[in-house]
């Protein structure tokens, strides 16, 4: 079965960086696009970044362009989200996502940006 396990969240100060990881299993990872979403308290879940199956194409929400970078290692079945210059408004639970006949989600990892 499809499993997505996020890690790397935490509490950081504004301007600092974090790298999130999502380890995938249960499907042929290199065939599928992968995405990161986030959900802040009281808000809807929103797309943060996506990456094509071989990593050649990426897309980002306007709010994170120039600060976040999505990448993947198909040999390790892992997708990453490098988050730089973090802002308090980046505080949210971050989820890894794959669409394989239906959407699958990990359990999420909390990112808190606060001074």
N, C-alpha and C. Protein backbone atom coordinates (compact mmCIF):
# COMPACT_ATOMS: atom_id res chain seq x y z
N UNK A 1 0.83 -1.18 0.00
CA UNK A 1 0.00 0.00 0.00
C UNK A 1 0.88 1.25 0.00
N UNK A 2 0.31 2.32 -0.51
CA UNK A 2 1.05 3.58 -0.59
C UNK A 2 1.27 4.13 0.81
N UNK A 3 2.51 4.48 1.08
CA UNK A 3 2.84 5.14 2.34
C UNK A 3 3.73 6.34 2.07
N UNK A 4 3.43 7.43 2.73
CA UNK A 4 4.22 8.65 2.65
C UNK A 4 4.53 9.08 4.08
N UNK A 5 5.81 9.24 4.38
CA UNK A 5 6.21 9.58 5.74
C UNK A 5 7.07 10.85 5.70
N UNK A 6 6.51 11.93 6.24
CA UNK A 6 7.22 13.20 6.27
C UNK A 6 8.07 13.31 7.52
N UNK A 7 9.14 14.08 7.41
CA UNK A 7 9.99 14.37 8.56
C UNK A 7 10.70 15.69 8.31
N UNK A 8 11.30 16.23 9.38
CA UNK A 8 12.12 17.41 9.24
C UNK A 8 11.51 18.71 9.74
N UNK A 9 10.28 18.66 10.18
CA UNK A 9 9.66 19.87 10.70
C UNK A 9 10.25 20.27 12.04
N UNK A 10 9.83 21.45 12.51
CA UNK A 10 10.31 21.91 13.80
C UNK A 10 9.98 23.38 14.02
N UNK A 11 10.57 23.91 15.09
CA UNK A 11 10.39 25.30 15.46
C UNK A 11 11.65 26.07 15.08
N UNK A 12 11.49 27.10 14.26
CA UNK A 12 12.63 27.92 13.86
C UNK A 12 12.25 29.38 13.96
N UNK A 13 13.27 30.23 13.94
CA UNK A 13 13.05 31.66 13.96
C UNK A 13 12.90 32.20 12.54
N UNK A 14 12.26 33.33 12.39
CA UNK A 14 12.16 33.94 11.05
C UNK A 14 13.54 34.11 10.42
N UNK A 15 13.61 33.81 9.14
CA UNK A 15 14.86 33.91 8.41
C UNK A 15 15.67 32.63 8.36
N UNK A 16 15.32 31.67 9.20
CA UNK A 16 16.07 30.42 9.23
C UNK A 16 15.55 29.45 8.16
N UNK A 17 16.19 28.28 8.11
CA UNK A 17 15.87 27.29 7.08
C UNK A 17 15.51 25.96 7.70
N UNK A 18 14.76 25.17 6.94
CA UNK A 18 14.45 23.79 7.27
C UNK A 18 14.42 23.00 5.98
N UNK A 19 14.72 21.70 6.10
CA UNK A 19 14.54 20.81 4.96
C UNK A 19 13.61 19.68 5.38
N UNK A 20 12.51 19.58 4.67
CA UNK A 20 11.56 18.50 4.89
C UNK A 20 11.88 17.35 3.95
N UNK A 21 11.61 16.15 4.43
CA UNK A 21 11.77 14.95 3.62
C UNK A 21 10.48 14.16 3.64
N UNK A 22 10.23 13.45 2.57
CA UNK A 22 9.07 12.56 2.48
C UNK A 22 9.55 11.25 1.87
N UNK A 23 9.52 10.20 2.67
CA UNK A 23 9.90 8.87 2.20
C UNK A 23 8.67 8.14 1.70
N UNK A 24 8.72 7.68 0.46
CA UNK A 24 7.57 7.04 -0.17
C UNK A 24 7.80 5.55 -0.35
N UNK A 25 6.72 4.79 -0.29
CA UNK A 25 6.80 3.36 -0.54
C UNK A 25 5.44 2.87 -1.02
N UNK A 26 5.45 1.67 -1.61
CA UNK A 26 4.21 1.06 -2.04
C UNK A 26 3.80 1.38 -3.46
N UNK A 27 4.63 2.11 -4.19
CA UNK A 27 4.35 2.41 -5.59
C UNK A 27 5.67 2.71 -6.29
N UNK A 28 5.61 2.75 -7.60
CA UNK A 28 6.82 3.02 -8.39
C UNK A 28 7.07 4.52 -8.38
N UNK A 29 7.90 4.95 -7.47
CA UNK A 29 8.09 6.37 -7.16
C UNK A 29 8.48 7.18 -8.39
N UNK A 30 9.36 6.65 -9.21
CA UNK A 30 9.91 7.42 -10.33
C UNK A 30 8.90 7.67 -11.44
N UNK A 31 7.72 7.11 -11.34
CA UNK A 31 6.69 7.28 -12.36
C UNK A 31 5.79 8.47 -12.06
N UNK A 32 5.74 8.89 -10.82
CA UNK A 32 4.73 9.85 -10.38
C UNK A 32 5.28 11.22 -10.01
N UNK A 33 4.50 12.25 -10.36
CA UNK A 33 4.75 13.57 -9.82
C UNK A 33 4.49 13.55 -8.32
N UNK A 34 5.21 14.39 -7.62
CA UNK A 34 5.04 14.50 -6.18
C UNK A 34 4.81 15.97 -5.82
N UNK A 35 4.11 16.18 -4.71
CA UNK A 35 3.79 17.55 -4.31
C UNK A 35 3.93 17.71 -2.81
N UNK A 36 4.13 18.93 -2.40
CA UNK A 36 4.05 19.34 -1.00
C UNK A 36 2.88 20.31 -0.87
N UNK A 37 2.06 20.08 0.15
CA UNK A 37 0.97 20.97 0.52
C UNK A 37 1.20 21.42 1.95
N UNK A 38 0.46 22.44 2.34
CA UNK A 38 0.50 22.86 3.74
C UNK A 38 -0.89 23.33 4.17
N UNK A 39 -1.12 23.23 5.47
CA UNK A 39 -2.39 23.69 6.03
C UNK A 39 -2.12 24.42 7.33
N UNK A 40 -2.45 25.69 7.34
CA UNK A 40 -2.31 26.51 8.53
C UNK A 40 -3.62 26.44 9.32
N UNK A 41 -3.56 26.72 10.62
CA UNK A 41 -4.78 26.67 11.44
C UNK A 41 -5.87 27.57 10.87
N UNK A 42 -7.05 27.00 10.72
CA UNK A 42 -8.19 27.77 10.23
C UNK A 42 -8.20 28.05 8.75
N UNK A 43 -7.24 27.48 8.03
CA UNK A 43 -7.16 27.71 6.59
C UNK A 43 -7.26 26.40 5.83
N UNK A 44 -7.56 26.53 4.55
CA UNK A 44 -7.63 25.34 3.71
C UNK A 44 -6.22 24.87 3.34
N UNK A 45 -6.12 23.60 3.01
CA UNK A 45 -4.85 23.05 2.56
C UNK A 45 -4.51 23.66 1.20
N UNK A 46 -3.24 24.06 1.03
CA UNK A 46 -2.84 24.70 -0.20
C UNK A 46 -1.59 24.05 -0.77
N UNK A 47 -1.50 24.08 -2.10
CA UNK A 47 -0.32 23.54 -2.77
C UNK A 47 0.86 24.48 -2.56
N UNK A 48 1.99 23.90 -2.16
CA UNK A 48 3.21 24.67 -1.96
C UNK A 48 4.15 24.50 -3.16
N UNK A 49 4.37 23.25 -3.56
CA UNK A 49 5.31 22.98 -4.65
C UNK A 49 5.04 21.60 -5.24
N UNK A 50 5.36 21.44 -6.51
CA UNK A 50 5.23 20.16 -7.17
C UNK A 50 6.45 19.88 -8.03
N UNK A 51 6.69 18.59 -8.30
CA UNK A 51 7.84 18.21 -9.10
C UNK A 51 7.45 17.04 -9.99
N UNK A 52 7.91 17.07 -11.23
CA UNK A 52 7.59 16.00 -12.16
C UNK A 52 8.33 14.72 -11.79
N UNK A 53 7.99 13.63 -12.47
CA UNK A 53 8.49 12.32 -12.05
C UNK A 53 10.00 12.21 -12.11
N UNK A 54 10.63 12.85 -13.08
CA UNK A 54 12.08 12.79 -13.19
C UNK A 54 12.75 14.05 -12.64
N UNK A 55 11.96 14.94 -12.11
CA UNK A 55 12.52 16.14 -11.49
C UNK A 55 12.86 17.26 -12.44
N UNK A 56 12.44 17.14 -13.68
CA UNK A 56 12.83 18.16 -14.67
C UNK A 56 11.97 19.40 -14.59
N UNK A 57 10.77 19.25 -14.07
CA UNK A 57 9.84 20.38 -14.00
C UNK A 57 9.35 20.56 -12.58
N UNK A 58 9.29 21.80 -12.15
CA UNK A 58 8.81 22.13 -10.83
C UNK A 58 7.84 23.31 -10.92
N UNK A 59 7.00 23.43 -9.92
CA UNK A 59 6.13 24.60 -9.82
C UNK A 59 5.98 24.96 -8.35
N UNK A 60 5.73 26.25 -8.10
CA UNK A 60 5.67 26.76 -6.73
C UNK A 60 4.50 27.72 -6.57
N UNK A 61 3.98 27.76 -5.36
CA UNK A 61 3.03 28.81 -5.02
C UNK A 61 3.77 30.15 -5.05
N UNK A 62 3.07 31.18 -5.43
CA UNK A 62 3.70 32.50 -5.50
C UNK A 62 4.31 32.91 -4.17
N UNK A 63 3.68 32.50 -3.09
CA UNK A 63 4.12 32.92 -1.76
C UNK A 63 5.47 32.32 -1.35
N UNK A 64 5.92 31.28 -2.05
CA UNK A 64 7.18 30.64 -1.67
C UNK A 64 8.24 30.70 -2.76
N UNK A 65 7.89 31.23 -3.92
CA UNK A 65 8.85 31.31 -5.02
C UNK A 65 10.10 32.08 -4.60
N UNK A 66 11.26 31.52 -4.94
CA UNK A 66 12.52 32.15 -4.59
C UNK A 66 13.01 31.81 -3.20
N UNK A 67 12.17 31.19 -2.38
CA UNK A 67 12.57 30.82 -1.02
C UNK A 67 12.60 29.31 -0.81
N UNK A 68 11.69 28.60 -1.46
CA UNK A 68 11.58 27.14 -1.30
C UNK A 68 12.08 26.45 -2.55
N UNK A 69 12.61 25.24 -2.36
CA UNK A 69 13.05 24.44 -3.50
C UNK A 69 12.62 22.99 -3.29
N UNK A 70 11.92 22.45 -4.26
CA UNK A 70 11.51 21.04 -4.20
C UNK A 70 12.46 20.22 -5.05
N UNK A 71 12.82 19.06 -4.55
CA UNK A 71 13.69 18.16 -5.29
C UNK A 71 13.33 16.72 -4.94
N UNK A 72 13.91 15.78 -5.68
CA UNK A 72 13.62 14.37 -5.40
C UNK A 72 14.84 13.53 -5.71
N UNK A 73 14.90 12.39 -5.02
CA UNK A 73 15.93 11.40 -5.27
C UNK A 73 15.21 10.09 -5.56
N UNK A 74 15.10 9.75 -6.83
CA UNK A 74 14.34 8.55 -7.19
C UNK A 74 15.02 7.27 -6.73
N UNK A 75 16.31 7.32 -6.51
CA UNK A 75 17.01 6.13 -6.00
C UNK A 75 16.65 5.87 -4.54
N UNK A 76 16.25 6.93 -3.84
CA UNK A 76 15.90 6.79 -2.42
C UNK A 76 14.39 6.90 -2.18
N UNK A 77 13.62 7.02 -3.27
CA UNK A 77 12.16 7.18 -3.13
C UNK A 77 11.80 8.29 -2.16
N UNK A 78 12.47 9.41 -2.30
CA UNK A 78 12.30 10.51 -1.35
C UNK A 78 12.16 11.83 -2.10
N UNK A 79 11.25 12.65 -1.61
CA UNK A 79 11.09 14.01 -2.12
C UNK A 79 11.40 14.97 -0.98
N UNK A 80 12.01 16.08 -1.33
CA UNK A 80 12.47 17.05 -0.34
C UNK A 80 11.82 18.41 -0.58
N UNK A 81 11.77 19.20 0.49
CA UNK A 81 11.38 20.59 0.37
C UNK A 81 12.36 21.41 1.21
N UNK A 82 13.25 22.11 0.52
CA UNK A 82 14.18 23.01 1.19
C UNK A 82 13.49 24.35 1.36
N UNK A 83 13.39 24.79 2.59
CA UNK A 83 12.68 26.03 2.89
C UNK A 83 13.67 27.03 3.50
N UNK A 84 13.90 28.11 2.80
CA UNK A 84 14.82 29.15 3.25
C UNK A 84 14.06 30.44 3.57
N UNK A 85 14.71 31.31 4.29
CA UNK A 85 14.12 32.62 4.63
C UNK A 85 12.69 32.46 5.14
N UNK A 86 12.53 31.56 6.08
CA UNK A 86 11.19 31.25 6.58
C UNK A 86 10.55 32.46 7.26
N UNK A 87 9.23 32.55 7.10
CA UNK A 87 8.45 33.64 7.65
C UNK A 87 7.39 33.07 8.60
N UNK A 88 6.90 33.87 9.52
CA UNK A 88 5.83 33.37 10.40
C UNK A 88 4.63 32.84 9.63
N UNK A 89 4.33 33.42 8.48
CA UNK A 89 3.19 32.95 7.70
C UNK A 89 3.42 31.60 7.02
N UNK A 90 4.64 31.08 7.12
CA UNK A 90 4.90 29.72 6.64
C UNK A 90 4.52 28.66 7.67
N UNK A 91 4.15 29.10 8.85
CA UNK A 91 3.74 28.16 9.90
C UNK A 91 2.54 27.36 9.45
N UNK A 92 2.68 26.03 9.48
CA UNK A 92 1.62 25.14 9.01
C UNK A 92 2.06 23.70 9.22
N UNK A 93 1.13 22.80 9.02
CA UNK A 93 1.47 21.39 8.89
C UNK A 93 1.72 21.14 7.40
N UNK A 94 2.85 20.55 7.10
CA UNK A 94 3.25 20.29 5.72
C UNK A 94 3.03 18.82 5.39
N UNK A 95 2.40 18.60 4.24
CA UNK A 95 2.03 17.25 3.82
C UNK A 95 2.65 16.91 2.47
N UNK A 96 3.08 15.68 2.35
CA UNK A 96 3.53 15.13 1.09
C UNK A 96 2.32 14.52 0.39
N UNK A 97 2.32 14.57 -0.93
CA UNK A 97 1.15 14.10 -1.69
C UNK A 97 1.57 13.43 -2.98
N UNK A 98 0.85 12.35 -3.30
CA UNK A 98 0.96 11.74 -4.63
C UNK A 98 -0.44 11.40 -5.08
N UNK A 99 -0.70 11.58 -6.37
CA UNK A 99 -1.99 11.19 -6.94
C UNK A 99 -1.77 9.93 -7.77
N UNK A 100 -2.29 8.84 -7.28
CA UNK A 100 -2.18 7.55 -7.96
C UNK A 100 -3.56 6.92 -7.91
N UNK A 101 -4.36 7.23 -8.88
CA UNK A 101 -5.78 6.85 -8.93
C UNK A 101 -6.60 7.65 -7.94
N UNK A 102 -6.00 8.00 -6.84
CA UNK A 102 -6.60 8.94 -5.89
C UNK A 102 -5.46 9.61 -5.15
N UNK A 103 -5.80 10.63 -4.39
CA UNK A 103 -4.78 11.35 -3.64
C UNK A 103 -4.39 10.58 -2.38
N UNK A 104 -3.09 10.49 -2.16
CA UNK A 104 -2.56 9.93 -0.93
C UNK A 104 -1.80 11.02 -0.18
N UNK A 105 -1.88 10.95 1.13
CA UNK A 105 -1.26 11.96 1.98
C UNK A 105 -0.45 11.28 3.08
N UNK A 106 0.62 11.97 3.50
CA UNK A 106 1.32 11.53 4.67
C UNK A 106 0.62 12.05 5.91
N UNK A 107 1.26 11.83 7.07
CA UNK A 107 0.66 12.25 8.34
C UNK A 107 0.93 13.72 8.63
N UNK A 108 1.86 14.30 7.88
CA UNK A 108 2.18 15.70 8.05
C UNK A 108 3.30 15.93 9.04
N UNK A 109 3.98 17.06 8.87
CA UNK A 109 5.03 17.47 9.80
C UNK A 109 4.84 18.95 10.11
N UNK A 110 4.89 19.29 11.38
CA UNK A 110 4.60 20.65 11.81
C UNK A 110 5.83 21.55 11.61
N UNK A 111 5.60 22.68 10.99
CA UNK A 111 6.62 23.72 10.85
C UNK A 111 6.09 24.97 11.55
N UNK A 112 6.85 25.45 12.51
CA UNK A 112 6.47 26.66 13.24
C UNK A 112 7.59 27.67 13.12
N UNK A 113 7.24 28.85 12.64
CA UNK A 113 8.22 29.93 12.47
C UNK A 113 7.82 31.05 13.43
N UNK A 114 8.64 31.25 14.43
CA UNK A 114 8.29 32.22 15.46
C UNK A 114 9.54 32.69 16.17
N UNK A 115 9.51 33.97 16.55
CA UNK A 115 10.62 34.51 17.32
C UNK A 115 10.34 34.41 18.82
